[in-house]
Amino acid sequence: MSKKFEMVGNILLYLLVFIISQFFASYIAMFVFFILNAKEIGFADIIYIQTQVEKFISQYTPAIYIVSFILSTIGYFTIFRLKKKNIYKEGGFLKIPFYKIFVLVFTGVAANIVVDFLLNYIRHNVDLEHTFIKYNTLIESILSSNNVILLLLSTGILYPFLEEVIFRGFIFNELRKNVSITKAIGIQAFLFGFLHLDPVQGTYAFLLGLFLAYIYLWTGSIWAPVALHVGVNSYAVMASKFPQFSLNGTLYLVLSVFVLIIGTAIIYKTRPEQN
């Protein structure tokens, strides 16, 4: 029982570092906003100020993500240093062949295209208009920055890396020391989905979390789900900023389903025996 209490405490600690880092980064952005706009907002009403703060935060989301990434990294290194544990071992940082990274990035792109199609189908055929309006507003806010390079770096690469290390690395590895693999996969996916807060994005994140956990199990390395997650997010960034390159249509959907199946099969078939 004491081991399970320790497990719960560790998981809460990992989540707390992640959440607090996000809050600190957001508050830093708000502080910068008020410093830069002190004269303009001096006599403005609260609604106007709130609107301007939201616009500012949306525009500088990449910078907020990068600051949050840095703060989280410092926090986790500090925790594992105090625990006298190897953060690289606890996070599952093992080498895998480059071809698997290549396969997984494209599998992630394909997964994004398939999910976009499914979400569009649900939006047009199920009465969830209000839910999807909130989801679309959220995604537009995240991807609203005009700095494509920073957006790709933060949302496309750094945050997928951070989320994988936290959820498939620290949390999943902590869980599977104390509960069955099935329960560990389900719990980490639930936490991953829950922290996205939005019902649509949370459901998508939960299902993605299940898939990413199996990818991690089949390779034994955190770099595998990181590569897939980077493929998912990076395509979302590029498709939003360069819609002319967005792979829409039935042909691309069929090709994406094919790539998703083949990519998953390659990773499964080449899994190490001990996994």
Protein backbone atom coordinates (compact mmCIF):
# COMPACT_ATOMS: atom_id res chain seq x y z
CA MET A 1 0.00 0.00 0.00
CA SER A 2 2.86 2.40 0.86
CA LYS A 3 4.29 1.91 -2.64
CA LYS A 4 0.99 2.92 -4.21
CA PHE A 5 0.77 6.01 -2.02
CA GLU A 6 4.29 6.88 -3.13
CA MET A 7 3.25 6.30 -6.76
CA VAL A 8 0.25 8.65 -6.41
CA GLY A 9 2.43 11.26 -4.72
CA ASN A 10 5.03 11.10 -7.49
CA ILE A 11 2.42 11.36 -10.24
CA LEU A 12 0.80 14.37 -8.56
CA LEU A 13 4.23 15.96 -8.20
CA TYR A 14 5.01 15.47 -11.91
CA LEU A 15 1.65 16.97 -12.88
CA LEU A 16 2.01 19.83 -10.42
CA VAL A 17 5.38 20.87 -11.88
CA PHE A 18 3.83 20.88 -15.36
CA ILE A 19 0.75 22.88 -14.31
CA ILE A 20 2.64 25.40 -12.16
CA SER A 21 5.13 25.99 -14.98
CA GLN A 22 2.25 26.80 -17.33
CA PHE A 23 0.72 29.21 -14.82
CA PHE A 24 4.03 30.95 -14.15
CA ALA A 25 4.71 31.34 -17.87
CA SER A 26 1.21 32.79 -18.40
CA TYR A 27 1.57 35.19 -15.47
CA ILE A 28 4.94 36.34 -16.80
CA ALA A 29 3.21 37.10 -20.13
CA MET A 30 0.46 39.02 -18.30
CA PHE A 31 3.06 41.00 -16.35
CA VAL A 32 4.85 41.91 -19.59
CA PHE A 33 1.52 42.98 -21.11
CA PHE A 34 0.72 45.35 -18.25
CA ILE A 35 4.24 46.80 -18.33
CA LEU A 36 4.02 47.48 -22.08
CA ASN A 37 0.46 48.82 -21.98
CA ALA A 38 0.35 50.61 -18.63
CA LYS A 39 -0.67 53.99 -20.11
CA GLU A 40 -3.25 52.60 -22.53
CA ILE A 41 -5.14 50.50 -19.97
CA GLY A 42 -4.94 53.00 -17.12
CA PHE A 43 -8.57 54.09 -17.47
CA ALA A 44 -9.95 51.17 -19.49
CA ASP A 45 -12.81 49.00 -18.28
CA ILE A 46 -12.21 45.43 -17.09
CA ILE A 47 -13.81 43.80 -20.15
CA TYR A 48 -11.51 45.68 -22.52
CA ILE A 49 -8.44 44.79 -20.44
CA GLN A 50 -9.43 41.11 -20.32
CA THR A 51 -9.91 41.03 -24.10
CA GLN A 52 -6.55 42.66 -24.74
CA VAL A 53 -4.77 40.30 -22.33
CA GLU A 54 -6.31 37.28 -24.07
CA LYS A 55 -5.21 38.61 -27.47
CA PHE A 56 -1.70 39.25 -26.16
CA ILE A 57 -1.41 35.77 -24.65
CA SER A 58 -2.73 34.16 -27.84
CA GLN A 59 -0.24 36.06 -29.98
CA TYR A 60 2.65 35.09 -27.72
CA THR A 61 1.59 31.50 -27.01
CA PRO A 62 4.84 30.11 -28.52
CA ALA A 63 6.94 32.21 -26.13
CA ILE A 64 4.74 31.12 -23.19
CA TYR A 65 5.18 27.48 -24.20
CA ILE A 66 8.94 27.87 -24.43
CA VAL A 67 9.13 29.51 -20.98
CA SER A 68 6.87 26.77 -19.59
CA PHE A 69 9.12 24.14 -21.16
CA ILE A 70 12.21 25.68 -19.57
CA LEU A 71 10.57 25.97 -16.13
CA SER A 72 9.28 22.39 -16.31
CA THR A 73 12.69 21.08 -17.33
CA ILE A 74 14.35 22.84 -14.42
CA GLY A 75 11.69 21.47 -12.09
CA TYR A 76 12.07 17.86 -13.20
CA PHE A 77 15.86 17.94 -13.11
CA THR A 78 15.63 19.33 -9.58
CA ILE A 79 13.18 16.62 -8.47
CA PHE A 80 15.25 13.73 -9.79
CA ARG A 81 18.45 15.26 -8.47
CA LEU A 82 16.91 15.46 -4.97
CA LYS A 83 15.63 11.88 -5.31
CA LYS A 84 19.08 10.79 -6.49
CA LYS A 85 17.52 9.11 -9.52
CA ASN A 86 18.63 9.15 -13.15
CA ILE A 87 16.14 11.32 -15.04
CA TYR A 88 17.14 9.78 -18.37
CA LYS A 89 16.47 6.25 -17.12
CA GLU A 90 13.17 7.24 -15.47
CA GLY A 91 12.10 9.01 -18.65
CA GLY A 92 12.93 6.09 -20.95
CA PHE A 93 15.63 7.81 -23.00
CA LEU A 94 16.96 4.88 -24.98
CA LYS A 95 18.35 4.94 -28.51
CA ILE A 96 16.25 3.62 -31.36
CA PRO A 97 17.10 3.26 -35.07
CA PHE A 98 16.68 6.43 -37.12
CA TYR A 99 14.35 4.72 -39.59
CA LYS A 100 11.82 4.25 -36.78
CA ILE A 101 11.91 7.97 -36.02
CA PHE A 102 11.33 8.65 -39.72
CA VAL A 103 8.42 6.16 -39.87
CA LEU A 104 6.82 7.54 -36.71
CA VAL A 105 6.94 11.19 -37.79
CA PHE A 106 5.05 10.32 -40.97
CA THR A 107 2.71 8.04 -39.00
CA GLY A 108 1.94 11.06 -36.80
CA VAL A 109 1.19 13.22 -39.83
CA ALA A 110 -1.12 10.51 -41.17
CA ALA A 111 -2.84 10.18 -37.79
CA ASN A 112 -3.53 13.92 -37.75
CA ILE A 113 -5.08 13.83 -41.23
CA VAL A 114 -7.32 10.88 -40.29
CA VAL A 115 -8.41 12.53 -37.03
CA ASP A 116 -9.16 15.82 -38.82
CA PHE A 117 -11.40 13.93 -41.24
CA LEU A 118 -13.21 12.18 -38.39
CA LEU A 119 -13.69 15.43 -36.47
CA ASN A 120 -15.08 17.15 -39.58
CA TYR A 121 -17.42 14.23 -40.16
CA ILE A 122 -18.68 14.35 -36.57
CA ARG A 123 -19.05 18.13 -36.68
CA HIS A 124 -21.26 17.94 -39.77
CA ASN A 125 -23.30 14.90 -38.76
CA VAL A 126 -23.71 15.16 -34.99
CA ASP A 127 -25.42 17.97 -33.10
CA LEU A 128 -22.34 19.21 -31.21
CA GLU A 129 -22.08 22.67 -32.72
CA HIS A 130 -21.45 24.52 -29.43
CA THR A 131 -18.78 22.02 -28.37
CA PHE A 132 -16.93 22.32 -31.66
CA ILE A 133 -17.15 26.14 -31.65
CA LYS A 134 -15.29 26.13 -28.32
CA TYR A 135 -12.77 23.60 -29.69
CA ASN A 136 -12.14 25.62 -32.85
CA THR A 137 -11.70 28.80 -30.80
CA LEU A 138 -9.16 27.02 -28.60
CA ILE A 139 -7.14 25.68 -31.53
CA GLU A 140 -7.20 29.05 -33.31
CA SER A 141 -5.96 30.69 -30.12
CA ILE A 142 -3.07 28.23 -29.79
CA LEU A 143 -2.08 28.63 -33.45
CA SER A 144 -2.75 32.37 -33.79
CA SER A 145 0.88 33.52 -33.61
CA ASN A 146 2.30 34.92 -36.85
CA ASN A 147 5.79 33.66 -36.01
CA VAL A 148 5.71 30.30 -37.76
CA ILE A 149 9.23 29.30 -36.70
CA LEU A 150 8.54 29.90 -33.00
CA LEU A 151 5.15 28.23 -33.32
CA LEU A 152 6.68 25.16 -34.93
CA LEU A 153 9.47 25.05 -32.35
CA SER A 154 7.14 25.37 -29.36
CA THR A 155 3.87 23.69 -30.34
CA GLY A 156 5.32 21.36 -32.95
CA ILE A 157 8.47 20.13 -31.21
CA LEU A 158 9.18 21.24 -27.62
CA TYR A 159 5.73 20.69 -26.12
CA PRO A 160 5.19 17.26 -27.69
CA PHE A 161 8.61 16.31 -26.31
CA LEU A 162 7.71 17.62 -22.85
CA GLU A 163 4.30 15.95 -22.78
CA GLU A 164 5.72 12.60 -23.84
CA VAL A 165 8.46 12.68 -21.23
CA ILE A 166 5.89 13.53 -18.54
CA PHE A 167 3.02 11.23 -19.49
CA ARG A 168 4.61 8.29 -21.32
CA GLY A 169 7.93 8.65 -19.50
CA PHE A 170 7.62 9.64 -15.84
CA ILE A 171 3.93 8.89 -15.20
CA PHE A 172 3.53 5.72 -17.28
CA ASN A 173 6.76 4.24 -15.94
CA GLU A 174 5.68 5.10 -12.40
CA LEU A 175 2.31 3.42 -12.97
CA ARG A 176 3.57 0.21 -14.50
CA LYS A 177 5.83 -0.42 -11.50
CA ASN A 178 2.71 -0.67 -9.33
CA VAL A 179 -0.30 -1.65 -11.48
CA SER A 180 -0.96 -3.80 -14.53
CA ILE A 181 0.13 -2.58 -17.96
CA THR A 182 -3.51 -2.25 -19.06
CA LYS A 183 -4.38 -0.04 -16.10
CA ALA A 184 -1.17 1.97 -16.53
CA ILE A 185 -1.98 2.66 -20.18
CA GLY A 186 -5.55 3.69 -19.35
CA ILE A 187 -4.68 5.93 -16.40
CA GLN A 188 -1.90 7.86 -18.14
CA ALA A 189 -4.12 8.36 -21.20
CA PHE A 190 -6.99 9.60 -19.00
CA LEU A 191 -4.69 12.09 -17.25
CA PHE A 192 -3.32 13.24 -20.61
CA GLY A 193 -6.83 13.81 -21.94
CA PHE A 194 -8.14 15.40 -18.74
CA LEU A 195 -5.39 18.03 -18.63
CA HIS A 196 -6.38 19.24 -22.09
CA LEU A 197 -9.67 20.36 -20.46
CA ASP A 198 -11.65 20.86 -23.70
CA PRO A 199 -14.07 17.91 -24.34
CA VAL A 200 -13.12 17.47 -28.01
CA GLN A 201 -9.39 17.96 -27.55
CA GLY A 202 -9.48 15.90 -24.35
CA THR A 203 -11.15 12.94 -26.07
CA TYR A 204 -8.68 13.15 -28.95
CA ALA A 205 -5.78 13.40 -26.48
CA PHE A 206 -7.06 10.38 -24.52
CA LEU A 207 -7.16 8.19 -27.65
CA LEU A 208 -3.79 9.52 -28.80
CA GLY A 209 -2.42 8.81 -25.32
CA LEU A 210 -3.43 5.16 -25.63
CA PHE A 211 -1.73 4.86 -29.01
CA LEU A 212 1.42 6.63 -27.85
CA ALA A 213 1.73 4.34 -24.82
CA TYR A 214 1.69 1.27 -27.07
CA ILE A 215 4.27 2.88 -29.36
CA TYR A 216 6.46 3.39 -26.29
CA LEU A 217 5.96 -0.21 -25.18
CA TRP A 218 6.76 -1.59 -28.63
CA THR A 219 10.02 0.35 -28.88
CA GLY A 220 11.14 0.71 -25.26
CA SER A 221 12.21 4.30 -25.94
CA ILE A 222 10.51 7.62 -25.22
CA TRP A 223 11.93 8.94 -28.51
CA ALA A 224 9.34 6.86 -30.38
CA PRO A 225 6.17 8.54 -29.01
CA VAL A 226 8.00 11.87 -29.14
CA ALA A 227 8.57 11.41 -32.90
CA LEU A 228 4.95 10.46 -33.51
CA HIS A 229 3.63 13.34 -31.39
CA VAL A 230 5.94 15.79 -33.18
CA GLY A 231 4.51 14.56 -36.49
CA VAL A 232 0.94 15.14 -35.25
CA ASN A 233 1.54 18.64 -33.92
CA SER A 234 3.94 19.87 -36.58
CA TYR A 235 1.52 18.97 -39.36
CA ALA A 236 -1.25 20.82 -37.50
CA VAL A 237 0.94 23.92 -37.31
CA MET A 238 1.98 23.80 -40.98
CA ALA A 239 -1.54 23.04 -42.22
CA SER A 240 -2.94 26.01 -40.28
CA LYS A 241 -0.31 28.44 -41.51
CA PHE A 242 -0.04 27.13 -45.08
CA PRO A 243 -3.52 25.84 -45.97
CA GLN A 244 -2.46 25.45 -49.60
CA PHE A 245 -0.32 22.52 -48.46
CA SER A 246 -3.04 20.95 -46.32
CA LEU A 247 -3.65 17.36 -47.43
CA ASN A 248 -7.44 17.29 -47.73
CA GLY A 249 -9.61 15.08 -49.90
CA THR A 250 -10.49 11.41 -50.23
CA LEU A 251 -7.22 10.40 -51.89
CA TYR A 252 -5.13 11.89 -49.07
CA LEU A 253 -7.41 10.29 -46.49
CA VAL A 254 -6.94 6.84 -48.05
CA LEU A 255 -3.18 7.36 -48.28
CA SER A 256 -3.10 8.54 -44.66
CA VAL A 257 -5.00 5.47 -43.44
CA PHE A 258 -2.54 3.31 -45.39
CA VAL A 259 0.50 5.11 -43.90
CA LEU A 260 -1.00 4.92 -40.40
CA ILE A 261 -1.57 1.16 -40.68
CA ILE A 262 1.79 0.41 -42.31
CA GLY A 263 3.71 2.65 -39.91
CA THR A 264 2.07 1.05 -36.87
CA ALA A 265 2.68 -2.43 -38.28
CA ILE A 266 6.38 -1.69 -38.84
CA ILE A 267 6.83 -0.52 -35.24
CA TYR A 268 4.90 -3.51 -33.89
CA LYS A 269 6.68 -6.10 -36.04
CA THR A 270 10.14 -4.76 -35.21
CA ARG A 271 9.55 -4.50 -31.44
CA PRO A 272 12.28 -5.96 -29.22
CA GLU A 273 11.39 -9.34 -27.75
CA GLN A 274 11.57 -8.10 -24.16
CA ASN A 275 8.84 -5.55 -24.86
